[in-house]
Amino acid sequence: MKILTFLIALLISFASCEKDDNDDVIIPNSKYEIPNAFYYNGSTKTYLETDINLFVVEVNPDLLSPKEDFTLISSNRIMIVNDFSTVSSDPMIFLDSIYSFKINENTLIPTGSMAFRPKAGVDLSEIIDLLDGKAIVQEQPIYENSYRATVNNLKEVCNTPNMLYESGLVEYSMPSFLLEIVLADN
């Protein structure tokens, strides 16, 4: 049974890459990428580079085995892995995945949530209606009229906040990221 589990995990890890026939180089599998990923920083688009070294995986936490070793983040539904062989192959547990991002050589790990601030005079209910089916809004402010929402689809972690910003209802709207901190040698 352990050999079968190992083989399934190995197949999943190989499935995340594809071979380029031109130069025998392993390239990332596009099904884990979010093409042209960006977020708005003010009114400027900040583009994100794909980081193929780290996967962000959406899981069903109710079905996880206690022996599986990883850390859950963001409402216990998102986990970070750097090797698919550590992820259960059960599609009821393993729901979706994307690569993490890089910006200026810093790894950004999407948490599956977003932050936004409604413009003056905009009622929160208008935003909740706009995000219906795309994200769940926490109706208590997190900081001075700023709110948080959790996206329903991990692959929409950039598109949903961008759509909200482009609606004109908010001052800002951006995905939430964990930033990998690299300590400098002193």
Protein backbone atom coordinates (compact mmCIF):
# COMPACT_ATOMS: atom_id res chain seq x y z
CA MET A 1 0.00 0.00 0.00
CA LYS A 2 2.87 2.40 0.83
CA ILE A 3 4.42 1.70 -2.58
CA LEU A 4 1.10 2.48 -4.32
CA THR A 5 0.74 5.73 -2.34
CA PHE A 6 4.34 6.65 -3.22
CA LEU A 7 3.74 5.95 -6.93
CA ILE A 8 0.56 8.06 -6.96
CA ALA A 9 2.39 10.93 -5.24
CA LEU A 10 5.28 10.57 -7.71
CA LEU A 11 2.88 10.70 -10.67
CA ILE A 12 1.26 13.85 -9.28
CA SER A 13 4.65 15.54 -8.90
CA PHE A 14 5.63 14.60 -12.47
CA ALA A 15 2.25 15.79 -13.75
CA SER A 16 3.08 19.30 -12.58
CA CYS A 17 5.79 19.59 -15.25
CA GLU A 18 5.95 19.00 -18.96
CA LYS A 19 8.92 18.42 -21.24
CA ASP A 20 9.87 20.89 -23.94
CA ASP A 21 10.84 18.82 -27.02
CA ASN A 22 13.18 21.52 -28.30
CA ASP A 23 15.80 21.54 -25.56
CA ASP A 24 14.99 18.77 -23.04
CA VAL A 25 14.23 21.34 -20.35
CA ILE A 26 11.47 20.76 -17.80
CA ILE A 27 9.09 23.72 -17.90
CA PRO A 28 6.20 24.59 -15.58
CA ASN A 29 2.73 23.22 -16.23
CA SER A 30 0.44 26.08 -17.20
CA LYS A 31 -2.57 24.64 -15.36
CA TYR A 32 -1.01 25.90 -12.10
CA GLU A 33 -0.21 29.37 -13.42
CA ILE A 34 -2.32 32.50 -13.35
CA PRO A 35 -1.30 34.19 -16.63
CA ASN A 36 -0.68 37.93 -16.53
CA ALA A 37 -1.29 38.01 -12.78
CA PHE A 38 -1.30 41.51 -11.36
CA TYR A 39 -2.85 43.63 -8.66
CA TYR A 40 -3.53 47.33 -8.42
CA ASN A 41 -1.13 49.41 -6.35
CA GLY A 42 -3.02 52.68 -6.37
CA SER A 43 -4.06 52.93 -10.00
CA THR A 44 -0.88 51.22 -11.24
CA LYS A 45 -0.87 47.56 -12.24
CA THR A 46 1.84 45.60 -10.42
CA TYR A 47 2.58 42.43 -12.39
CA LEU A 48 3.58 39.23 -10.62
CA GLU A 49 6.07 36.65 -11.85
CA THR A 50 5.25 32.97 -11.35
CA ASP A 51 7.39 31.17 -8.75
CA ILE A 52 7.36 27.50 -9.77
CA ASN A 53 9.26 26.46 -6.64
CA LEU A 54 6.31 26.81 -4.30
CA PHE A 55 2.73 25.58 -4.64
CA VAL A 56 -0.28 27.03 -2.87
CA VAL A 57 -2.87 24.30 -2.44
CA GLU A 58 -6.54 24.56 -1.48
CA VAL A 59 -7.59 21.65 0.69
CA ASN A 60 -10.68 20.42 2.47
CA PRO A 61 -9.46 20.60 6.09
CA ASP A 62 -12.28 18.38 7.35
CA LEU A 63 -10.91 15.42 5.39
CA LEU A 64 -7.21 15.76 6.20
CA SER A 65 -5.45 12.92 7.90
CA PRO A 66 -3.75 13.89 11.17
CA LYS A 67 -0.56 12.18 9.97
CA GLU A 68 -0.15 14.53 6.99
CA ASP A 69 2.53 17.09 7.85
CA PHE A 70 2.02 20.65 6.62
CA THR A 71 0.89 24.06 7.80
CA LEU A 72 -2.54 25.41 6.97
CA ILE A 73 -3.03 29.14 6.47
CA SER A 74 -5.99 31.39 5.69
CA SER A 75 -9.12 29.93 7.26
CA ASN A 76 -7.57 26.45 7.40
CA ARG A 77 -8.14 25.86 3.69
CA ILE A 78 -4.88 26.93 2.05
CA MET A 79 -1.57 25.19 2.53
CA ILE A 80 1.91 25.78 1.19
CA VAL A 81 3.98 22.94 -0.24
CA ASN A 82 7.19 22.85 -2.22
CA ASP A 83 6.70 19.28 -3.42
CA PHE A 84 3.47 17.69 -4.61
CA SER A 85 4.58 14.35 -3.22
CA THR A 86 3.61 15.67 0.22
CA VAL A 87 0.02 16.26 -0.88
CA SER A 88 -2.65 13.59 -0.64
CA SER A 89 -3.80 12.38 -4.03
CA ASP A 90 -7.44 12.21 -2.89
CA PRO A 91 -9.39 14.76 -5.00
CA MET A 92 -11.83 15.28 -2.12
CA ILE A 93 -8.94 16.63 -0.02
CA PHE A 94 -6.80 18.24 -2.72
CA LEU A 95 -9.20 20.75 -4.32
CA ASP A 96 -7.07 23.15 -6.37
CA SER A 97 -3.56 24.56 -6.63
CA ILE A 98 -1.56 27.42 -8.10
CA TYR A 99 2.07 28.43 -8.11
CA SER A 100 3.11 31.20 -5.77
CA PHE A 101 4.41 34.51 -7.14
CA LYS A 102 7.60 36.54 -7.16
CA ILE A 103 8.13 40.24 -7.31
CA ASN A 104 11.67 41.66 -7.23
CA GLU A 105 12.99 38.20 -6.28
CA ASN A 106 10.72 38.09 -3.19
CA THR A 107 8.30 35.18 -2.91
CA LEU A 108 4.66 36.19 -2.41
CA ILE A 109 2.33 33.47 -1.16
CA PRO A 110 -1.37 34.14 -1.85
CA THR A 111 -3.54 33.47 1.19
CA GLY A 112 -6.84 33.17 -0.66
CA SER A 113 -8.13 36.40 0.83
CA MET A 114 -8.23 40.04 -0.21
CA ALA A 115 -8.46 43.44 1.48
CA PHE A 116 -10.44 46.46 0.29
CA ARG A 117 -11.79 49.84 1.40
CA PRO A 118 -15.14 51.10 0.07
CA LYS A 119 -15.21 54.64 -1.29
CA ALA A 120 -17.07 57.23 0.77
CA GLY A 121 -20.82 56.84 0.27
CA VAL A 122 -20.61 53.25 -0.99
CA ASP A 123 -22.61 50.83 1.10
CA LEU A 124 -20.93 47.52 1.93
CA SER A 125 -24.02 45.69 0.65
CA GLU A 126 -23.22 46.92 -2.90
CA ILE A 127 -19.82 45.24 -2.68
CA ILE A 128 -21.28 42.08 -1.18
CA ASP A 129 -23.75 41.92 -4.11
CA LEU A 130 -20.95 42.47 -6.66
CA LEU A 131 -18.80 39.71 -5.09
CA ASP A 132 -21.69 37.26 -4.76
CA GLY A 133 -20.40 33.83 -5.81
CA LYS A 134 -16.84 35.11 -6.14
CA ALA A 135 -15.89 35.89 -2.53
CA ILE A 136 -17.28 35.91 0.99
CA VAL A 137 -17.03 39.31 2.67
CA GLN A 138 -16.35 39.61 6.40
CA GLU A 139 -18.77 42.31 7.44
CA GLN A 140 -16.68 43.57 10.38
CA PRO A 141 -13.95 46.05 9.38
CA ILE A 142 -10.39 44.88 9.90
CA TYR A 143 -8.99 48.42 10.14
CA GLU A 144 -10.49 51.90 9.67
CA ASN A 145 -13.24 51.02 7.20
CA SER A 146 -11.11 48.36 5.48
CA TYR A 147 -12.58 44.90 4.99
CA ARG A 148 -11.44 41.39 4.14
CA ALA A 149 -13.02 38.84 1.82
CA THR A 150 -12.12 35.24 1.05
CA VAL A 151 -12.16 34.27 -2.63
CA ASN A 152 -14.19 31.18 -3.48
CA ASN A 153 -11.81 29.99 -6.21
CA LEU A 154 -8.06 29.98 -5.58
CA LYS A 155 -7.31 30.64 -9.25
CA GLU A 156 -9.28 33.92 -8.96
CA VAL A 157 -7.06 35.25 -6.16
CA CYS A 158 -5.91 38.16 -8.37
CA ASN A 159 -8.90 38.58 -10.71
CA THR A 160 -11.52 39.04 -7.97
CA PRO A 161 -9.82 41.99 -6.19
CA ASN A 162 -8.99 43.54 -9.58
CA MET A 163 -12.62 43.25 -10.69
CA LEU A 164 -13.71 44.94 -7.46
CA TYR A 165 -11.20 47.79 -7.94
CA GLU A 166 -12.25 48.27 -11.57
CA SER A 167 -15.90 48.56 -10.46
CA GLY A 168 -15.11 51.97 -8.98
CA LEU A 169 -16.75 51.09 -5.64
CA VAL A 170 -13.50 50.95 -3.65
CA GLU A 171 -10.44 53.07 -2.93
CA TYR A 172 -8.26 49.98 -3.09
CA SER A 173 -8.65 46.24 -3.45
CA MET A 174 -5.76 43.80 -3.46
CA PRO A 175 -4.96 40.16 -2.75
CA SER A 176 -3.41 39.31 0.60
CA PHE A 177 0.02 37.69 0.48
CA LEU A 178 2.43 36.15 2.91
CA LEU A 179 5.93 37.42 2.23
CA GLU A 180 8.82 35.03 2.63
CA ILE A 181 11.36 36.76 4.85
CA VAL A 182 15.01 36.13 4.08
CA LEU A 183 17.39 37.07 6.87
CA ALA A 184 20.60 38.83 5.90
CA ASP A 185 23.93 37.62 7.21
CA ASN A 186 25.43 40.13 9.63
